[in-house]
Amino acid sequence: METQKMNEEEEKEVRGGIAPGIHDAKIRMMEFCQSELGKEAEMVRFVKITKSEEGWNGKVELTELNAYLKKIGYPNVFDKNRYVITLDPELNVVHFGPEEEE
């Protein structure tokens, strides 16, 4: 129990006395989707966000144009694909990739 309190205190120091919460993690994940993937907010749906000892884990569903169908002449068809985003305690993106089938 004492170890967990120490980790929370260290985490608070990182953010100027305020530990990052779920809202901060969601904002950072949205910023990543917009700046790195070029997705508009309307194309991003959060499925799940959880806190872990290593930071934050999020599952997002992105609406993406099906490039193959467009290439062969079909009108715009959109797919919904799920991805995992992992943040460290300082809210840096440390992993992004497709959600693995369970």
N, C-alpha and C. Protein backbone atom coordinates (compact mmCIF):
# COMPACT_ATOMS: atom_id res chain seq x y z
N MET A 1 0.82 -1.19 0.00
CA MET A 1 0.00 0.00 0.00
C MET A 1 0.87 1.26 0.00
N GLU A 2 1.94 1.26 0.78
CA GLU A 2 2.84 2.42 0.84
C GLU A 2 3.50 2.69 -0.51
N THR A 3 3.83 1.63 -1.24
CA THR A 3 4.45 1.79 -2.55
C THR A 3 3.52 2.51 -3.51
N GLN A 4 2.23 2.17 -3.48
CA GLN A 4 1.27 2.81 -4.37
C GLN A 4 1.14 4.30 -4.04
N LYS A 5 1.12 4.67 -2.76
CA LYS A 5 1.04 6.08 -2.40
C LYS A 5 2.25 6.84 -2.91
N MET A 6 3.42 6.22 -2.82
CA MET A 6 4.63 6.88 -3.31
C MET A 6 4.55 7.10 -4.81
N ASN A 7 4.03 6.14 -5.54
CA ASN A 7 3.88 6.30 -6.99
C ASN A 7 2.92 7.42 -7.32
N GLU A 8 1.83 7.54 -6.57
CA GLU A 8 0.88 8.61 -6.81
C GLU A 8 1.52 9.96 -6.54
N GLU A 9 2.33 10.06 -5.50
CA GLU A 9 3.02 11.31 -5.19
C GLU A 9 4.01 11.67 -6.29
N GLU A 10 4.75 10.69 -6.77
CA GLU A 10 5.69 10.94 -7.87
C GLU A 10 4.93 11.40 -9.11
N GLU A 11 3.79 10.79 -9.36
CA GLU A 11 2.98 11.14 -10.52
C GLU A 11 2.49 12.58 -10.41
N LYS A 12 2.11 13.00 -9.22
CA LYS A 12 1.64 14.37 -9.01
C LYS A 12 2.75 15.38 -9.28
N GLU A 13 3.98 15.04 -8.92
CA GLU A 13 5.11 15.93 -9.18
C GLU A 13 5.29 16.19 -10.66
N VAL A 14 5.05 15.18 -11.47
CA VAL A 14 5.21 15.29 -12.92
C VAL A 14 4.29 16.36 -13.49
N ARG A 15 3.07 16.49 -12.98
CA ARG A 15 2.08 17.42 -13.50
C ARG A 15 1.92 18.66 -12.62
N GLY A 16 2.98 19.06 -11.92
CA GLY A 16 2.90 20.26 -11.11
C GLY A 16 1.95 20.12 -9.94
N GLY A 17 1.93 18.98 -9.30
CA GLY A 17 1.09 18.76 -8.13
C GLY A 17 -0.26 18.14 -8.44
N ILE A 18 -0.61 18.01 -9.71
CA ILE A 18 -1.89 17.42 -10.07
C ILE A 18 -1.63 16.19 -10.93
N ALA A 19 -2.05 15.05 -10.44
CA ALA A 19 -1.87 13.81 -11.20
C ALA A 19 -2.78 13.83 -12.42
N PRO A 20 -2.28 13.38 -13.58
CA PRO A 20 -3.15 13.34 -14.77
C PRO A 20 -4.30 12.37 -14.55
N GLY A 21 -5.46 12.78 -14.96
CA GLY A 21 -6.64 11.94 -14.82
C GLY A 21 -7.12 11.43 -16.17
N ILE A 22 -8.26 10.78 -16.14
CA ILE A 22 -8.80 10.17 -17.35
C ILE A 22 -9.10 11.23 -18.41
N HIS A 23 -9.54 12.40 -17.99
CA HIS A 23 -9.83 13.47 -18.94
C HIS A 23 -8.54 13.90 -19.68
N ASP A 24 -7.44 14.03 -18.93
CA ASP A 24 -6.15 14.40 -19.53
C ASP A 24 -5.69 13.33 -20.53
N ALA A 25 -5.87 12.05 -20.14
CA ALA A 25 -5.47 10.95 -21.02
C ALA A 25 -6.30 10.97 -22.31
N LYS A 26 -7.60 11.21 -22.18
CA LYS A 26 -8.48 11.24 -23.36
C LYS A 26 -8.09 12.39 -24.29
N ILE A 27 -7.80 13.55 -23.71
CA ILE A 27 -7.38 14.69 -24.53
C ILE A 27 -6.10 14.38 -25.28
N ARG A 28 -5.13 13.76 -24.59
CA ARG A 28 -3.85 13.43 -25.23
C ARG A 28 -4.04 12.42 -26.35
N MET A 29 -4.89 11.41 -26.12
CA MET A 29 -5.15 10.41 -27.17
C MET A 29 -5.83 11.05 -28.37
N MET A 30 -6.76 11.97 -28.12
CA MET A 30 -7.44 12.66 -29.22
C MET A 30 -6.44 13.51 -29.99
N GLU A 31 -5.56 14.22 -29.27
CA GLU A 31 -4.52 15.02 -29.94
C GLU A 31 -3.65 14.15 -30.84
N PHE A 32 -3.30 12.96 -30.36
CA PHE A 32 -2.50 12.03 -31.15
C PHE A 32 -3.25 11.63 -32.43
N CYS A 33 -4.51 11.27 -32.30
CA CYS A 33 -5.30 10.85 -33.47
C CYS A 33 -5.42 11.97 -34.48
N GLN A 34 -5.54 13.20 -34.00
CA GLN A 34 -5.69 14.33 -34.91
C GLN A 34 -4.36 14.72 -35.56
N SER A 35 -3.31 14.85 -34.75
CA SER A 35 -2.05 15.35 -35.30
C SER A 35 -1.25 14.28 -36.05
N GLU A 36 -1.20 13.08 -35.54
CA GLU A 36 -0.37 12.04 -36.16
C GLU A 36 -1.11 11.21 -37.20
N LEU A 37 -2.42 11.06 -37.03
CA LEU A 37 -3.18 10.22 -37.96
C LEU A 37 -4.08 11.03 -38.89
N GLY A 38 -4.19 12.32 -38.63
CA GLY A 38 -5.00 13.18 -39.48
C GLY A 38 -6.50 12.95 -39.35
N LYS A 39 -6.94 12.48 -38.21
CA LYS A 39 -8.37 12.20 -38.01
C LYS A 39 -9.07 13.38 -37.38
N GLU A 40 -10.25 13.69 -37.87
CA GLU A 40 -11.07 14.71 -37.25
C GLU A 40 -11.75 14.10 -36.03
N ALA A 41 -12.14 14.94 -35.09
CA ALA A 41 -12.74 14.46 -33.84
C ALA A 41 -13.96 13.56 -34.12
N GLU A 42 -14.72 13.87 -35.16
CA GLU A 42 -15.92 13.09 -35.48
C GLU A 42 -15.58 11.67 -35.94
N MET A 43 -14.33 11.44 -36.34
CA MET A 43 -13.92 10.13 -36.84
C MET A 43 -13.33 9.24 -35.74
N VAL A 44 -13.29 9.76 -34.50
CA VAL A 44 -12.69 9.05 -33.38
C VAL A 44 -13.75 8.78 -32.32
N ARG A 45 -13.87 7.50 -31.92
CA ARG A 45 -14.80 7.14 -30.84
C ARG A 45 -14.00 6.37 -29.81
N PHE A 46 -14.09 6.82 -28.56
CA PHE A 46 -13.40 6.13 -27.48
C PHE A 46 -14.23 4.96 -27.00
N VAL A 47 -13.64 3.77 -27.01
CA VAL A 47 -14.31 2.56 -26.58
C VAL A 47 -14.02 2.31 -25.11
N LYS A 48 -12.75 2.56 -24.70
CA LYS A 48 -12.36 2.24 -23.33
C LYS A 48 -11.06 2.98 -23.00
N ILE A 49 -10.98 3.50 -21.77
CA ILE A 49 -9.75 4.08 -21.25
C ILE A 49 -9.56 3.56 -19.84
N THR A 50 -8.39 2.99 -19.57
CA THR A 50 -8.10 2.47 -18.24
C THR A 50 -6.72 2.93 -17.79
N LYS A 51 -6.58 3.05 -16.47
CA LYS A 51 -5.30 3.41 -15.87
C LYS A 51 -4.58 2.14 -15.47
N SER A 52 -3.27 2.13 -15.68
CA SER A 52 -2.45 0.99 -15.26
C SER A 52 -1.23 1.53 -14.52
N GLU A 53 -0.42 0.64 -14.02
CA GLU A 53 0.81 1.07 -13.33
C GLU A 53 1.76 1.76 -14.29
N GLU A 54 1.70 1.42 -15.57
CA GLU A 54 2.59 2.00 -16.58
C GLU A 54 2.05 3.28 -17.20
N GLY A 55 0.82 3.67 -16.88
CA GLY A 55 0.24 4.88 -17.47
C GLY A 55 -1.23 4.69 -17.78
N TRP A 56 -1.59 4.87 -19.05
CA TRP A 56 -2.99 4.77 -19.49
C TRP A 56 -3.08 3.91 -20.74
N ASN A 57 -4.17 3.14 -20.84
CA ASN A 57 -4.44 2.32 -22.01
C ASN A 57 -5.80 2.73 -22.57
N GLY A 58 -5.83 2.96 -23.87
CA GLY A 58 -7.08 3.35 -24.50
C GLY A 58 -7.37 2.52 -25.73
N LYS A 59 -8.65 2.27 -25.95
CA LYS A 59 -9.10 1.63 -27.19
C LYS A 59 -9.96 2.65 -27.92
N VAL A 60 -9.62 2.89 -29.17
CA VAL A 60 -10.38 3.84 -29.98
C VAL A 60 -10.87 3.16 -31.25
N GLU A 61 -11.99 3.64 -31.74
CA GLU A 61 -12.53 3.16 -33.00
C GLU A 61 -12.42 4.32 -33.98
N LEU A 62 -11.67 4.10 -35.06
CA LEU A 62 -11.47 5.13 -36.07
C LEU A 62 -12.28 4.81 -37.31
N THR A 63 -12.96 5.82 -37.83
CA THR A 63 -13.67 5.68 -39.10
C THR A 63 -12.67 6.01 -40.19
N GLU A 64 -12.45 5.04 -41.08
CA GLU A 64 -11.42 5.19 -42.12
C GLU A 64 -11.98 4.82 -43.49
N LEU A 65 -11.56 5.58 -44.48
CA LEU A 65 -11.95 5.30 -45.85
C LEU A 65 -11.33 3.98 -46.30
N ASN A 66 -12.14 3.12 -46.92
CA ASN A 66 -11.63 1.87 -47.44
C ASN A 66 -10.94 2.17 -48.78
N ALA A 67 -9.62 2.29 -48.73
CA ALA A 67 -8.83 2.69 -49.90
C ALA A 67 -8.92 1.68 -51.04
N TYR A 68 -9.01 0.40 -50.70
CA TYR A 68 -9.08 -0.63 -51.74
C TYR A 68 -10.36 -0.47 -52.57
N LEU A 69 -11.50 -0.35 -51.90
CA LEU A 69 -12.76 -0.22 -52.64
C LEU A 69 -12.80 1.06 -53.46
N LYS A 70 -12.23 2.13 -52.93
CA LYS A 70 -12.17 3.38 -53.69
C LYS A 70 -11.30 3.19 -54.94
N LYS A 71 -10.19 2.49 -54.77
CA LYS A 71 -9.25 2.27 -55.88
C LYS A 71 -9.89 1.49 -57.03
N ILE A 72 -10.77 0.54 -56.70
CA ILE A 72 -11.39 -0.26 -57.76
C ILE A 72 -12.70 0.34 -58.25
N GLY A 73 -13.00 1.58 -57.83
CA GLY A 73 -14.11 2.31 -58.42
C GLY A 73 -15.39 2.42 -57.62
N TYR A 74 -15.44 1.86 -56.42
CA TYR A 74 -16.64 2.00 -55.60
C TYR A 74 -16.70 3.41 -55.01
N PRO A 75 -17.90 3.89 -54.73
CA PRO A 75 -17.99 5.19 -54.04
C PRO A 75 -17.40 5.05 -52.63
N ASN A 76 -17.25 6.16 -51.97
CA ASN A 76 -16.64 6.13 -50.64
C ASN A 76 -17.35 5.15 -49.70
N VAL A 77 -16.58 4.18 -49.21
CA VAL A 77 -17.05 3.21 -48.22
C VAL A 77 -16.13 3.35 -47.02
N PHE A 78 -16.73 3.47 -45.85
CA PHE A 78 -15.93 3.67 -44.64
C PHE A 78 -15.96 2.43 -43.76
N ASP A 79 -14.80 2.12 -43.17
CA ASP A 79 -14.66 1.02 -42.23
C ASP A 79 -14.48 1.61 -40.84
N LYS A 80 -14.84 0.82 -39.84
CA LYS A 80 -14.57 1.19 -38.46
C LYS A 80 -13.55 0.19 -37.93
N ASN A 81 -12.37 0.70 -37.61
CA ASN A 81 -11.27 -0.14 -37.14
C ASN A 81 -10.89 0.28 -35.73
N ARG A 82 -10.57 -0.72 -34.90
CA ARG A 82 -10.21 -0.45 -33.50
C ARG A 82 -8.70 -0.51 -33.32
N TYR A 83 -8.21 0.42 -32.52
CA TYR A 83 -6.78 0.53 -32.22
C TYR A 83 -6.56 0.72 -30.73
N VAL A 84 -5.34 0.39 -30.30
CA VAL A 84 -4.93 0.55 -28.91
C VAL A 84 -3.89 1.67 -28.86
N ILE A 85 -4.06 2.57 -27.90
CA ILE A 85 -3.09 3.63 -27.65
C ILE A 85 -2.65 3.49 -26.20
N THR A 86 -1.34 3.47 -25.97
CA THR A 86 -0.80 3.39 -24.62
C THR A 86 0.00 4.65 -24.31
N LEU A 87 -0.29 5.25 -23.16
CA LEU A 87 0.42 6.43 -22.70
C LEU A 87 1.23 6.09 -21.46
N ASP A 88 2.41 6.72 -21.31
CA ASP A 88 3.17 6.57 -20.07
C ASP A 88 2.59 7.53 -19.03
N PRO A 89 3.08 7.53 -17.78
CA PRO A 89 2.52 8.41 -16.75
C PRO A 89 2.59 9.90 -17.10
N GLU A 90 3.53 10.30 -17.97
CA GLU A 90 3.65 11.69 -18.39
C GLU A 90 2.78 12.00 -19.61
N LEU A 91 1.95 11.04 -20.01
CA LEU A 91 1.02 11.15 -21.13
C LEU A 91 1.70 11.20 -22.50
N ASN A 92 2.87 10.60 -22.60
CA ASN A 92 3.53 10.43 -23.90
C ASN A 92 3.03 9.14 -24.53
N VAL A 93 2.77 9.16 -25.82
CA VAL A 93 2.34 7.95 -26.52
C VAL A 93 3.53 7.02 -26.64
N VAL A 94 3.38 5.81 -26.10
CA VAL A 94 4.46 4.82 -26.17
C VAL A 94 4.09 3.62 -27.04
N HIS A 95 2.81 3.53 -27.41
CA HIS A 95 2.38 2.43 -28.29
C HIS A 95 1.11 2.83 -29.01
N PHE A 96 1.05 2.47 -30.28
CA PHE A 96 -0.16 2.60 -31.08
C PHE A 96 -0.20 1.43 -32.04
N GLY A 97 -1.33 0.76 -32.12
CA GLY A 97 -1.44 -0.36 -33.06
C GLY A 97 -2.84 -0.90 -33.08
N PRO A 98 -3.12 -1.79 -34.05
CA PRO A 98 -4.45 -2.36 -34.14
C PRO A 98 -4.77 -3.21 -32.91
N GLU A 99 -6.05 -3.22 -32.55
CA GLU A 99 -6.49 -4.06 -31.44
C GLU A 99 -6.35 -5.51 -31.87
N GLU A 100 -5.76 -6.31 -31.01
CA GLU A 100 -5.58 -7.72 -31.31
C GLU A 100 -6.86 -8.48 -31.01
N GLU A 101 -7.18 -9.43 -31.85
CA GLU A 101 -8.36 -10.27 -31.63
C GLU A 101 -8.14 -11.13 -30.41
N GLU A 102 -9.19 -11.25 -29.60
CA GLU A 102 -9.08 -12.08 -28.38
C GLU A 102 -9.72 -13.42 -28.59
